[in-house]
Amino acid sequence: MVTDGGQKDSDSAPTLIGSVQRALRLVEAMHAENGATAKRLARVTGIPLPTVYHLLRTLSHEGYVEREGGAFRLAEHLPLAS
């Protein structure tokens, strides 16, 4: 609910971005599994396989994920701000 000042009521649910949540679940799973195939990541996260591939492609492009053979793992040097 929006108050007179244009602010959302504190009881309202926050706005969450589903694709960001899925990407973070994927990153957590890669960390826990110490690398895994896309199929394995889809299975452990419950994210559909085509979505896993799209997220992995994006994370790879941005330098967060590396592929070794058929397995994906977090990059050794994550491109985080210093």
Protein backbone atom coordinates (compact mmCIF):
# COMPACT_ATOMS: atom_id res chain seq x y z
CA MET A 1 0.00 0.00 0.00
CA VAL A 2 1.27 3.50 -0.86
CA THR A 3 0.98 6.23 1.76
CA ASP A 4 0.20 9.90 1.08
CA GLY A 5 3.91 10.65 0.75
CA GLY A 6 4.28 8.16 -2.10
CA GLN A 7 6.16 5.71 0.13
CA LYS A 8 5.31 2.02 0.26
CA ASP A 9 3.89 0.73 3.52
CA SER A 10 6.52 -1.10 5.59
CA ASP A 11 4.25 -4.18 5.66
CA SER A 12 4.48 -4.54 1.86
CA ALA A 13 6.59 -7.27 0.34
CA PRO A 14 9.83 -6.03 -1.23
CA THR A 15 10.20 -6.02 -4.99
CA LEU A 16 12.44 -8.95 -5.91
CA ILE A 17 13.96 -9.75 -9.28
CA GLY A 18 13.45 -13.44 -10.03
CA SER A 19 16.29 -13.74 -12.54
CA VAL A 20 18.74 -12.34 -9.98
CA GLN A 21 17.49 -14.82 -7.39
CA ARG A 22 17.92 -17.70 -9.86
CA ALA A 23 21.44 -16.55 -10.82
CA LEU A 24 22.42 -16.39 -7.15
CA ARG A 25 21.01 -19.90 -6.53
CA LEU A 26 23.12 -21.08 -9.45
CA VAL A 27 26.27 -19.41 -8.06
CA GLU A 28 25.62 -20.96 -4.65
CA ALA A 29 25.14 -24.39 -6.22
CA MET A 30 28.36 -24.10 -8.25
CA HIS A 31 30.20 -23.21 -5.05
CA ALA A 32 28.65 -26.09 -3.08
CA GLU A 33 29.26 -28.60 -5.88
CA ASN A 34 32.75 -27.24 -6.66
CA GLY A 35 31.70 -27.13 -10.30
CA ALA A 36 29.05 -29.18 -12.05
CA THR A 37 27.41 -29.81 -15.38
CA ALA A 38 24.47 -27.65 -16.42
CA LYS A 39 22.19 -30.66 -16.03
CA ARG A 40 23.40 -31.25 -12.46
CA LEU A 41 22.98 -27.55 -11.62
CA ALA A 42 19.43 -27.62 -12.99
CA ARG A 43 18.66 -30.66 -10.87
CA VAL A 44 20.05 -29.29 -7.59
CA THR A 45 18.58 -25.80 -7.99
CA GLY A 46 15.23 -26.71 -9.53
CA ILE A 47 15.87 -24.17 -12.30
CA PRO A 48 14.80 -25.36 -15.78
CA LEU A 49 17.76 -26.51 -17.89
CA PRO A 50 17.26 -23.89 -20.68
CA THR A 51 17.25 -21.15 -18.03
CA VAL A 52 20.40 -22.58 -16.45
CA TYR A 53 22.13 -22.39 -19.84
CA HIS A 54 21.04 -18.77 -20.34
CA LEU A 55 22.23 -17.78 -16.87
CA LEU A 56 25.54 -19.64 -17.29
CA ARG A 57 26.12 -17.92 -20.62
CA THR A 58 25.57 -14.52 -19.02
CA LEU A 59 27.70 -15.31 -15.97
CA SER A 60 30.47 -16.61 -18.26
CA HIS A 61 30.32 -13.51 -20.44
CA GLU A 62 30.66 -11.32 -17.34
CA GLY A 63 33.64 -13.33 -16.07
CA TYR A 64 32.00 -15.01 -13.07
CA VAL A 65 31.91 -18.56 -14.44
CA GLU A 66 34.41 -20.70 -16.33
CA ARG A 67 33.76 -23.89 -18.24
CA GLU A 68 36.10 -26.85 -17.96
CA GLY A 69 35.06 -29.63 -20.30
CA GLY A 70 31.39 -30.17 -19.54
CA ALA A 71 31.49 -28.65 -16.06
CA PHE A 72 30.89 -25.06 -15.01
CA ARG A 73 32.60 -23.54 -11.99
CA LEU A 74 33.08 -20.15 -10.45
CA ALA A 75 35.99 -18.22 -11.90
CA GLU A 76 39.16 -18.17 -9.80
CA HIS A 77 39.30 -14.39 -9.90
CA LEU A 78 35.79 -13.02 -9.69
CA PRO A 79 35.42 -9.58 -11.31
CA LEU A 80 34.27 -7.85 -8.12
CA ALA A 81 34.78 -4.16 -7.43
CA SER A 82 37.79 -3.46 -5.25
